[in-house]
Amino acid sequence: MPTPLETCWHRTDVTVGSAFVAMYAKFGCLNLSRKVFNEMPNRNVITWNVLIMAYGMHGKGEEALELFKKMEAEPNEVTFIAQFAACSHSRLINEGLTFL
């Protein structure tokens, strides 16, 4: 039976791809989460937010900040909440204040 990464659904449907990014992140598999993200030809703000939140949840605030800087979608309110949370979880208070 093929693994979810081998099915290629995440390459054709942004909703499915975003769900895989979130699923792997929740299991703590940030490398697989990022792999799915990188393989997606199309990403929307939700996809970006999911990965930014994932880095934040796992204390990788600097990675979240870098991803935000590279973001190819228009950030929304959730994006900024994810950034604040990532900075908070990583003790990057001064960096978080720059978003105010």
PDB file of N, CA and C in Angstrom:
ATOM      1  N   MET A   1       0.848  -1.174   0.000  1.00  0.00           N
ATOM      2  CA  MET A   1       0.000   0.000   0.000  1.00  0.00           C
ATOM      3  C   MET A   1       0.898   1.244   0.000  1.00  0.00           C
ATOM      4  N   PRO A   2       0.633   2.200  -0.875  1.00  0.00           N
ATOM      5  CA  PRO A   2       1.493   3.385  -0.949  1.00  0.00           C
ATOM      6  C   PRO A   2       1.289   4.293   0.260  1.00  0.00           C
ATOM      7  N   THR A   3       2.354   5.010   0.627  1.00  0.00           N
ATOM      8  CA  THR A   3       2.252   5.991   1.699  1.00  0.00           C
ATOM      9  C   THR A   3       1.553   7.234   1.157  1.00  0.00           C
ATOM     10  N   PRO A   4       1.058   8.094   2.046  1.00  0.00           N
ATOM     11  CA  PRO A   4       0.420   9.326   1.556  1.00  0.00           C
ATOM     12  C   PRO A   4       1.317  10.155   0.658  1.00  0.00           C
ATOM     13  N   LEU A   5       2.623  10.187   0.942  1.00  0.00           N
ATOM     14  CA  LEU A   5       3.527  10.963   0.091  1.00  0.00           C
ATOM     15  C   LEU A   5       3.673  10.369  -1.300  1.00  0.00           C
ATOM     16  N   GLU A   6       3.468   9.059  -1.415  1.00  0.00           N
ATOM     17  CA  GLU A   6       3.610   8.398  -2.707  1.00  0.00           C
ATOM     18  C   GLU A   6       2.363   8.512  -3.583  1.00  0.00           C
ATOM     19  N   THR A   7       1.245   8.933  -3.009  1.00  0.00           N
ATOM     20  CA  THR A   7       0.015   9.009  -3.783  1.00  0.00           C
ATOM     21  C   THR A   7      -0.049  10.227  -4.686  1.00  0.00           C
ATOM     22  N   CYS A   8       0.734  11.237  -4.379  1.00  0.00           N
ATOM     23  CA  CYS A   8       0.817  12.460  -5.190  1.00  0.00           C
ATOM     24  C   CYS A   8      -0.412  13.355  -5.099  1.00  0.00           C
ATOM     25  N   TRP A   9      -1.378  13.029  -4.254  1.00  0.00           N
ATOM     26  CA  TRP A   9      -2.557  13.891  -4.129  1.00  0.00           C
ATOM     27  C   TRP A   9      -2.175  15.285  -3.665  1.00  0.00           C
ATOM     28  N   HIS A  10      -1.161  15.375  -2.819  1.00  0.00           N
ATOM     29  CA  HIS A  10      -0.750  16.675  -2.293  1.00  0.00           C
ATOM     30  C   HIS A  10      -0.164  17.569  -3.382  1.00  0.00           C
ATOM     31  N   ARG A  11       0.166  16.978  -4.520  1.00  0.00           N
ATOM     32  CA  ARG A  11       0.715  17.773  -5.621  1.00  0.00           C
ATOM     33  C   ARG A  11      -0.370  18.326  -6.532  1.00  0.00           C
ATOM     34  N   THR A  12      -1.581  17.825  -6.400  1.00  0.00           N
ATOM     35  CA  THR A  12      -2.638  18.260  -7.307  1.00  0.00           C
ATOM     36  C   THR A  12      -3.739  19.054  -6.616  1.00  0.00           C
ATOM     37  N   ASP A  13      -3.864  18.923  -5.318  1.00  0.00           N
ATOM     38  CA  ASP A  13      -4.954  19.577  -4.597  1.00  0.00           C
ATOM     39  C   ASP A  13      -4.392  20.313  -3.393  1.00  0.00           C
ATOM     40  N   VAL A  14      -4.539  21.634  -3.373  1.00  0.00           N
ATOM     41  CA  VAL A  14      -3.969  22.442  -2.300  1.00  0.00           C
ATOM     42  C   VAL A  14      -4.614  22.114  -0.952  1.00  0.00           C
ATOM     43  N   THR A  15      -5.876  21.751  -0.940  1.00  0.00           N
ATOM     44  CA  THR A  15      -6.550  21.398   0.309  1.00  0.00           C
ATOM     45  C   THR A  15      -5.969  20.116   0.887  1.00  0.00           C
ATOM     46  N   VAL A  16      -5.792  19.114   0.053  1.00  0.00           N
ATOM     47  CA  VAL A  16      -5.213  17.845   0.507  1.00  0.00           C
ATOM     48  C   VAL A  16      -3.771  18.059   0.948  1.00  0.00           C
ATOM     49  N   GLY A  17      -3.028  18.818   0.174  1.00  0.00           N
ATOM     50  CA  GLY A  17      -1.638  19.095   0.530  1.00  0.00           C
ATOM     51  C   GLY A  17      -1.539  19.802   1.875  1.00  0.00           C
ATOM     52  N   SER A  18      -2.393  20.791   2.098  1.00  0.00           N
ATOM     53  CA  SER A  18      -2.394  21.515   3.371  1.00  0.00           C
ATOM     54  C   SER A  18      -2.748  20.586   4.525  1.00  0.00           C
ATOM     55  N   ALA A  19      -3.662  19.668   4.285  1.00  0.00           N
ATOM     56  CA  ALA A  19      -4.046  18.700   5.318  1.00  0.00           C
ATOM     57  C   ALA A  19      -2.874  17.784   5.660  1.00  0.00           C
ATOM     58  N   PHE A  20      -2.113  17.352   4.643  1.00  0.00           N
ATOM     59  CA  PHE A  20      -0.937  16.519   4.901  1.00  0.00           C
ATOM     60  C   PHE A  20       0.130  17.299   5.676  1.00  0.00           C
ATOM     61  N   VAL A  21       0.332  18.559   5.311  1.00  0.00           N
ATOM     62  CA  VAL A  21       1.296  19.398   6.030  1.00  0.00           C
ATOM     63  C   VAL A  21       0.897  19.469   7.503  1.00  0.00           C
ATOM     64  N   ALA A  22      -0.380  19.710   7.772  1.00  0.00           N
ATOM     65  CA  ALA A  22      -0.879  19.799   9.148  1.00  0.00           C
ATOM     66  C   ALA A  22      -0.761  18.463   9.876  1.00  0.00           C
ATOM     67  N   MET A  23      -1.118  17.382   9.207  1.00  0.00           N
ATOM     68  CA  MET A  23      -1.085  16.061   9.838  1.00  0.00           C
ATOM     69  C   MET A  23       0.330  15.702  10.277  1.00  0.00           C
ATOM     70  N   TYR A  24       1.280  15.822   9.360  1.00  0.00           N
ATOM     71  CA  TYR A  24       2.650  15.475   9.707  1.00  0.00           C
ATOM     72  C   TYR A  24       3.180  16.389  10.818  1.00  0.00           C
ATOM     73  N   ALA A  25       2.823  17.660  10.779  1.00  0.00           N
ATOM     74  CA  ALA A  25       3.268  18.596  11.809  1.00  0.00           C
ATOM     75  C   ALA A  25       2.722  18.215  13.179  1.00  0.00           C
ATOM     76  N   LYS A  26       1.458  17.829  13.234  1.00  0.00           N
ATOM     77  CA  LYS A  26       0.852  17.455  14.516  1.00  0.00           C
ATOM     78  C   LYS A  26       1.493  16.212  15.107  1.00  0.00           C
ATOM     79  N   PHE A  27       2.009  15.348  14.265  1.00  0.00           N
ATOM     80  CA  PHE A  27       2.718  14.158  14.739  1.00  0.00           C
ATOM     81  C   PHE A  27       4.174  14.464  15.067  1.00  0.00           C
ATOM     82  N   GLY A  28       4.591  15.708  14.836  1.00  0.00           N
ATOM     83  CA  GLY A  28       5.970  16.086  15.134  1.00  0.00           C
ATOM     84  C   GLY A  28       6.949  15.769  14.029  1.00  0.00           C
ATOM     85  N   CYS A  29       6.446  15.399  12.873  1.00  0.00           N
ATOM     86  CA  CYS A  29       7.304  15.055  11.729  1.00  0.00           C
ATOM     87  C   CYS A  29       7.478  16.292  10.850  1.00  0.00           C
ATOM     88  N   LEU A  30       8.222  17.273  11.364  1.00  0.00           N
ATOM     89  CA  LEU A  30       8.373  18.522  10.619  1.00  0.00           C
ATOM     90  C   LEU A  30       9.107  18.334   9.302  1.00  0.00           C
ATOM     91  N   ASN A  31      10.010  17.365   9.254  1.00  0.00           N
ATOM     92  CA  ASN A  31      10.723  17.122   7.997  1.00  0.00           C
ATOM     93  C   ASN A  31       9.762  16.629   6.911  1.00  0.00           C
ATOM     94  N   LEU A  32       8.824  15.753   7.269  1.00  0.00           N
ATOM     95  CA  LEU A  32       7.829  15.296   6.280  1.00  0.00           C
ATOM     96  C   LEU A  32       6.837  16.403   5.951  1.00  0.00           C
ATOM     97  N   SER A  33       6.479  17.175   6.960  1.00  0.00           N
ATOM     98  CA  SER A  33       5.574  18.293   6.736  1.00  0.00           C
ATOM     99  C   SER A  33       6.182  19.272   5.732  1.00  0.00           C
ATOM    100  N   ARG A  34       7.456  19.595   5.931  1.00  0.00           N
ATOM    101  CA  ARG A  34       8.141  20.517   5.028  1.00  0.00           C
ATOM    102  C   ARG A  34       8.325  19.905   3.647  1.00  0.00           C
ATOM    103  N   LYS A  35       8.544  18.581   3.590  1.00  0.00           N
ATOM    104  CA  LYS A  35       8.701  17.904   2.298  1.00  0.00           C
ATOM    105  C   LYS A  35       7.423  18.022   1.478  1.00  0.00           C
ATOM    106  N   VAL A  36       6.283  17.771   2.103  1.00  0.00           N
ATOM    107  CA  VAL A  36       5.002  17.911   1.399  1.00  0.00           C
ATOM    108  C   VAL A  36       4.834  19.353   0.941  1.00  0.00           C
ATOM    109  N   PHE A  37       5.097  20.289   1.834  1.00  0.00           N
ATOM    110  CA  PHE A  37       4.986  21.715   1.507  1.00  0.00           C
ATOM    111  C   PHE A  37       5.847  22.059   0.286  1.00  0.00           C
ATOM    112  N   ASN A  38       7.084  21.613   0.299  1.00  0.00           N
ATOM    113  CA  ASN A  38       8.002  21.922  -0.801  1.00  0.00           C
ATOM    114  C   ASN A  38       7.577  21.288  -2.121  1.00  0.00           C
ATOM    115  N   GLU A  39       6.910  20.141  -2.059  1.00  0.00           N
ATOM    116  CA  GLU A  39       6.496  19.445  -3.277  1.00  0.00           C
ATOM    117  C   GLU A  39       5.193  19.993  -3.866  1.00  0.00           C
ATOM    118  N   MET A  40       4.498  20.819  -3.107  1.00  0.00           N
ATOM    119  CA  MET A  40       3.224  21.355  -3.600  1.00  0.00           C
ATOM    120  C   MET A  40       3.474  22.443  -4.640  1.00  0.00           C
ATOM    121  N   PRO A  41       2.926  22.291  -5.843  1.00  0.00           N
ATOM    122  CA  PRO A  41       3.126  23.324  -6.868  1.00  0.00           C
ATOM    123  C   PRO A  41       2.334  24.586  -6.569  1.00  0.00           C
ATOM    124  N   ASN A  42       1.214  24.448  -5.878  1.00  0.00           N
ATOM    125  CA  ASN A  42       0.375  25.587  -5.526  1.00  0.00           C
ATOM    126  C   ASN A  42       0.143  25.582  -4.021  1.00  0.00           C
ATOM    127  N   ARG A  43       0.330  26.755  -3.416  1.00  0.00           N
ATOM    128  CA  ARG A  43       0.094  26.904  -1.982  1.00  0.00           C
ATOM    129  C   ARG A  43      -0.758  28.143  -1.786  1.00  0.00           C
ATOM    130  N   ASN A  44      -1.637  28.080  -0.795  1.00  0.00           N
ATOM    131  CA  ASN A  44      -2.407  29.272  -0.463  1.00  0.00           C
ATOM    132  C   ASN A  44      -2.023  29.736   0.934  1.00  0.00           C
ATOM    133  N   VAL A  45      -2.684  30.783   1.417  1.00  0.00           N
ATOM    134  CA  VAL A  45      -2.345  31.339   2.725  1.00  0.00           C
ATOM    135  C   VAL A  45      -2.536  30.300   3.828  1.00  0.00           C
ATOM    136  N   ILE A  46      -3.487  29.410   3.669  1.00  0.00           N
ATOM    137  CA  ILE A  46      -3.722  28.371   4.675  1.00  0.00           C
ATOM    138  C   ILE A  46      -2.511  27.443   4.760  1.00  0.00           C
ATOM    139  N   THR A  47      -1.981  27.050   3.626  1.00  0.00           N
ATOM    140  CA  THR A  47      -0.818  26.169   3.601  1.00  0.00           C
ATOM    141  C   THR A  47       0.360  26.818   4.321  1.00  0.00           C
ATOM    142  N   TRP A  48       0.608  28.087   4.014  1.00  0.00           N
ATOM    143  CA  TRP A  48       1.696  28.813   4.659  1.00  0.00           C
ATOM    144  C   TRP A  48       1.451  28.914   6.158  1.00  0.00           C
ATOM    145  N   ASN A  49       0.218  29.251   6.549  1.00  0.00           N
ATOM    146  CA  ASN A  49      -0.112  29.389   7.967  1.00  0.00           C
ATOM    147  C   ASN A  49       0.098  28.083   8.725  1.00  0.00           C
ATOM    148  N   VAL A  50      -0.286  26.986   8.110  1.00  0.00           N
ATOM    149  CA  VAL A  50      -0.145  25.679   8.764  1.00  0.00           C
ATOM    150  C   VAL A  50       1.324  25.403   9.086  1.00  0.00           C
ATOM    151  N   LEU A  51       2.208  25.652   8.136  1.00  0.00           N
ATOM    152  CA  LEU A  51       3.617  25.355   8.376  1.00  0.00           C
ATOM    153  C   LEU A  51       4.242  26.348   9.357  1.00  0.00           C
ATOM    154  N   ILE A  52       3.856  27.610   9.280  1.00  0.00           N
ATOM    155  CA  ILE A  52       4.348  28.593  10.247  1.00  0.00           C
ATOM    156  C   ILE A  52       3.912  28.194  11.655  1.00  0.00           C
ATOM    157  N   MET A  53       2.643  27.801  11.803  1.00  0.00           N
ATOM    158  CA  MET A  53       2.147  27.357  13.103  1.00  0.00           C
ATOM    159  C   MET A  53       2.877  26.107  13.578  1.00  0.00           C
ATOM    160  N   ALA A  54       3.153  25.204  12.656  1.00  0.00           N
ATOM    161  CA  ALA A  54       3.845  23.963  13.009  1.00  0.00           C
ATOM    162  C   ALA A  54       5.220  24.266  13.586  1.00  0.00           C
ATOM    163  N   TYR A  55       5.964  25.134  12.922  1.00  0.00           N
ATOM    164  CA  TYR A  55       7.275  25.496  13.450  1.00  0.00           C
ATOM    165  C   TYR A  55       7.141  26.130  14.828  1.00  0.00           C
ATOM    166  N   GLY A  56       6.145  26.982  14.993  1.00  0.00           N
ATOM    167  CA  GLY A  56       5.932  27.623  16.281  1.00  0.00           C
ATOM    168  C   GLY A  56       5.581  26.639  17.378  1.00  0.00           C
ATOM    169  N   MET A  57       4.694  25.690  17.096  1.00  0.00           N
ATOM    170  CA  MET A  57       4.273  24.697  18.084  1.00  0.00           C
ATOM    171  C   MET A  57       5.450  23.867  18.579  1.00  0.00           C
ATOM    172  N   HIS A  58       6.425  23.683  17.723  1.00  0.00           N
ATOM    173  CA  HIS A  58       7.564  22.836  18.065  1.00  0.00           C
ATOM    174  C   HIS A  58       8.794  23.647  18.463  1.00  0.00           C
ATOM    175  N   GLY A  59       8.570  24.935  18.810  1.00  0.00           N
ATOM    176  CA  GLY A  59       9.652  25.765  19.322  1.00  0.00           C
ATOM    177  C   GLY A  59      10.678  26.198  18.304  1.00  0.00           C
ATOM    178  N   LYS A  60      10.295  26.204  17.044  1.00  0.00           N
ATOM    179  CA  LYS A  60      11.219  26.594  15.976  1.00  0.00           C
ATOM    180  C   LYS A  60      10.800  27.951  15.418  1.00  0.00           C
ATOM    181  N   GLY A  61      10.838  28.938  16.309  1.00  0.00           N
ATOM    182  CA  GLY A  61      10.400  30.284  15.953  1.00  0.00           C
ATOM    183  C   GLY A  61      11.211  30.932  14.860  1.00  0.00           C
ATOM    184  N   GLU A  62      12.514  30.699  14.859  1.00  0.00           N
ATOM    185  CA  GLU A  62      13.349  31.302  13.820  1.00  0.00           C
ATOM    186  C   GLU A  62      12.994  30.760  12.445  1.00  0.00           C
ATOM    187  N   GLU A  63      12.698  29.466  12.369  1.00  0.00           N
ATOM    188  CA  GLU A  63      12.263  28.880  11.101  1.00  0.00           C
ATOM    189  C   GLU A  63      10.920  29.474  10.670  1.00  0.00           C
ATOM    190  N   ALA A  64      10.035  29.701  11.640  1.00  0.00           N
ATOM    191  CA  ALA A  64       8.736  30.312  11.342  1.00  0.00           C
ATOM    192  C   ALA A  64       8.926  31.721  10.793  1.00  0.00           C
ATOM    193  N   LEU A  65       9.824  32.484  11.398  1.00  0.00           N
ATOM    194  CA  LEU A  65      10.093  33.840  10.920  1.00  0.00           C
ATOM    195  C   LEU A  65      10.672  33.830   9.508  1.00  0.00           C
ATOM    196  N   GLU A  66      11.591  32.914   9.247  1.00  0.00           N
ATOM    197  CA  GLU A  66      12.173  32.808   7.906  1.00  0.00           C
ATOM    198  C   GLU A  66      11.111  32.447   6.873  1.00  0.00           C
ATOM    199  N   LEU A  67      10.244  31.517   7.241  1.00  0.00           N
ATOM    200  CA  LEU A  67       9.174  31.120   6.321  1.00  0.00           C
ATOM    201  C   LEU A  67       8.251  32.295   6.043  1.00  0.00           C
ATOM    202  N   PHE A  68       7.940  33.060   7.076  1.00  0.00           N
ATOM    203  CA  PHE A  68       7.080  34.236   6.901  1.00  0.00           C
ATOM    204  C   PHE A  68       7.705  35.205   5.903  1.00  0.00           C
ATOM    205  N   LYS A  69       9.016  35.408   6.000  1.00  0.00           N
ATOM    206  CA  LYS A  69       9.699  36.333   5.090  1.00  0.00           C
ATOM    207  C   LYS A  69       9.642  35.850   3.645  1.00  0.00           C
ATOM    208  N   LYS A  70       9.571  34.524   3.450  1.00  0.00           N
ATOM    209  CA  LYS A  70       9.530  33.949   2.107  1.00  0.00           C
ATOM    210  C   LYS A  70       8.114  33.733   1.598  1.00  0.00           C
ATOM    211  N   MET A  71       7.139  34.060   2.417  1.00  0.00           N
ATOM    212  CA  MET A  71       5.736  33.765   2.107  1.00  0.00           C
ATOM    213  C   MET A  71       5.327  34.351   0.764  1.00  0.00           C
ATOM    214  N   GLU A  72       4.734  33.504  -0.067  1.00  0.00           N
ATOM    215  CA  GLU A  72       4.323  33.895  -1.412  1.00  0.00           C
ATOM    216  C   GLU A  72       2.840  34.244  -1.482  1.00  0.00           C
ATOM    217  N   ALA A  73       2.137  34.107  -0.378  1.00  0.00           N
ATOM    218  CA  ALA A  73       0.709  34.448  -0.325  1.00  0.00           C
ATOM    219  C   ALA A  73       0.545  35.692   0.538  1.00  0.00           C
ATOM    220  N   GLU A  74      -0.575  36.371   0.358  1.00  0.00           N
ATOM    221  CA  GLU A  74      -0.876  37.550   1.164  1.00  0.00           C
ATOM    222  C   GLU A  74      -1.193  37.113   2.596  1.00  0.00           C
ATOM    223  N   PRO A  75      -0.426  37.588   3.595  1.00  0.00           N
ATOM    224  CA  PRO A  75      -0.706  37.176   4.974  1.00  0.00           C
ATOM    225  C   PRO A  75      -2.068  37.679   5.437  1.00  0.00           C
ATOM    226  N   ASN A  76      -2.678  36.926   6.338  1.00  0.00           N
ATOM    227  CA  ASN A  76      -3.953  37.353   6.915  1.00  0.00           C
ATOM    228  C   ASN A  76      -3.816  37.394   8.434  1.00  0.00           C
ATOM    229  N   GLU A  77      -4.933  37.567   9.128  1.00  0.00           N
ATOM    230  CA  GLU A  77      -4.909  37.666  10.585  1.00  0.00           C
ATOM    231  C   GLU A  77      -4.319  36.414  11.222  1.00  0.00           C
ATOM    232  N   VAL A  78      -4.648  35.261  10.678  1.00  0.00           N
ATOM    233  CA  VAL A  78      -4.157  33.992  11.222  1.00  0.00           C
ATOM    234  C   VAL A  78      -2.637  33.913  11.087  1.00  0.00           C
ATOM    235  N   THR A  79      -2.109  34.447  10.001  1.00  0.00           N
ATOM    236  CA  THR A  79      -0.665  34.448   9.795  1.00  0.00           C
ATOM    237  C   THR A  79       0.035  35.186  10.935  1.00  0.00           C
ATOM    238  N   PHE A  80      -0.510  36.337  11.310  1.00  0.00           N
ATOM    239  CA  PHE A  80       0.116  37.123  12.364  1.00  0.00           C
ATOM    240  C   PHE A  80      -0.052  36.459  13.727  1.00  0.00           C
ATOM    241  N   ILE A  81      -1.179  35.828  13.962  1.00  0.00           N
ATOM    242  CA  ILE A  81      -1.365  35.073  15.208  1.00  0.00           C
ATOM    243  C   ILE A  81      -0.344  33.936  15.275  1.00  0.00           C
ATOM    244  N   ALA A  82      -0.149  33.252  14.145  1.00  0.00           N
ATOM    245  CA  ALA A  82       0.834  32.161  14.094  1.00  0.00           C
ATOM    246  C   ALA A  82       2.235  32.686  14.381  1.00  0.00           C
ATOM    247  N   GLN A  83       2.564  33.855  13.839  1.00  0.00           N
ATOM    248  CA  GLN A  83       3.874  34.449  14.084  1.00  0.00           C
ATOM    249  C   GLN A  83       4.055  34.813  15.553  1.00  0.00           C
ATOM    250  N   PHE A  84       3.027  35.432  16.153  1.00  0.00           N
ATOM    251  CA  PHE A  84       3.108  35.784  17.576  1.00  0.00           C
ATOM    252  C   PHE A  84       3.302  34.530  18.424  1.00  0.00           C
ATOM    253  N   ALA A  85       2.551  33.490  18.107  1.00  0.00           N
ATOM    254  CA  ALA A  85       2.660  32.236  18.867  1.00  0.00           C
ATOM    255  C   ALA A  85       4.039  31.615  18.697  1.00  0.00           C
ATOM    256  N   ALA A  86       4.549  31.626  17.480  1.00  0.00           N
ATOM    257  CA  ALA A  86       5.874  31.060  17.222  1.00  0.00           C
ATOM    258  C   ALA A  86       6.942  31.822  18.001  1.00  0.00           C
ATOM    259  N   CYS A  87       6.847  33.136  17.991  1.00  0.00           N
ATOM    260  CA  CYS A  87       7.815  33.941  18.735  1.00  0.00           C
ATOM    261  C   CYS A  87       7.679  33.689  20.234  1.00  0.00           C
ATOM    262  N   SER A  88       6.466  33.581  20.707  1.00  0.00           N
ATOM    263  CA  SER A  88       6.211  33.336  22.127  1.00  0.00           C
ATOM    264  C   SER A  88       6.781  31.993  22.572  1.00  0.00           C
ATOM    265  N   HIS A  89       6.514  30.948  21.809  1.00  0.00           N
ATOM    266  CA  HIS A  89       6.981  29.605  22.159  1.00  0.00           C
ATOM    267  C   HIS A  89       8.498  29.483  22.080  1.00  0.00           C
ATOM    268  N   SER A  90       9.124  30.376  21.336  1.00  0.00           N
ATOM    269  CA  SER A  90      10.574  30.310  21.163  1.00  0.00           C
ATOM    270  C   SER A  90      11.301  31.419  21.921  1.00  0.00           C
ATOM    271  N   ARG A  91      10.555  32.153  22.726  1.00  0.00           N
ATOM    272  CA  ARG A  91      11.115  33.261  23.516  1.00  0.00           C
ATOM    273  C   ARG A  91      11.768  34.327  22.637  1.00  0.00           C
ATOM    274  N   LEU A  92      11.162  34.578  21.504  1.00  0.00           N
ATOM    275  CA  LEU A  92      11.648  35.615  20.594  1.00  0.00           C
ATOM    276  C   LEU A  92      10.740  36.844  20.738  1.00  0.00           C
ATOM    277  N   ILE A  93      10.710  37.378  21.940  1.00  0.00           N
ATOM    278  CA  ILE A  93       9.777  38.458  22.266  1.00  0.00           C
ATOM    279  C   ILE A  93      10.029  39.696  21.410  1.00  0.00           C
ATOM    280  N   ASN A  94      11.269  40.130  21.303  1.00  0.00           N
ATOM    281  CA  ASN A  94      11.569  41.343  20.514  1.00  0.00           C
ATOM    282  C   ASN A  94      11.189  41.170  19.052  1.00  0.00           C
ATOM    283  N   GLU A  95      11.437  39.974  18.512  1.00  0.00           N
ATOM    284  CA  GLU A  95      11.064  39.700  17.121  1.00  0.00           C
ATOM    285  C   GLU A  95       9.548  39.748  16.964  1.00  0.00           C
ATOM    286  N   GLY A  96       8.831  39.209  17.939  1.00  0.00           N
ATOM    287  CA  GLY A  96       7.370  39.220  17.899  1.00  0.00           C
ATOM    288  C   GLY A  96       6.808  40.623  17.952  1.00  0.00           C
ATOM    289  N   LEU A  97       7.461  41.494  18.687  1.00  0.00           N
ATOM    290  CA  LEU A  97       6.987  42.885  18.803  1.00  0.00           C
ATOM    291  C   LEU A  97       7.098  43.630  17.487  1.00  0.00           C
ATOM    292  N   THR A  98       7.932  43.178  16.576  1.00  0.00           N
ATOM    293  CA  THR A  98       8.073  43.876  15.299  1.00  0.00           C
ATOM    294  C   THR A  98       6.808  43.729  14.439  1.00  0.00           C
ATOM    295  N   PHE A  99       5.930  42.803  14.790  1.00  0.00           N
ATOM    296  CA  PHE A  99       4.705  42.602  14.009  1.00  0.00           C
ATOM    297  C   PHE A  99       3.564  43.482  14.493  1.00  0.00           C
ATOM    298  N   LEU A 100       3.783  44.237  15.551  1.00  0.00           N
ATOM    299  CA  LEU A 100       2.729  45.123  16.071  1.00  0.00           C
ATOM    300  C   LEU A 100       2.630  46.379  15.275  1.00  0.00           C
TER     301      LEU A 100
END
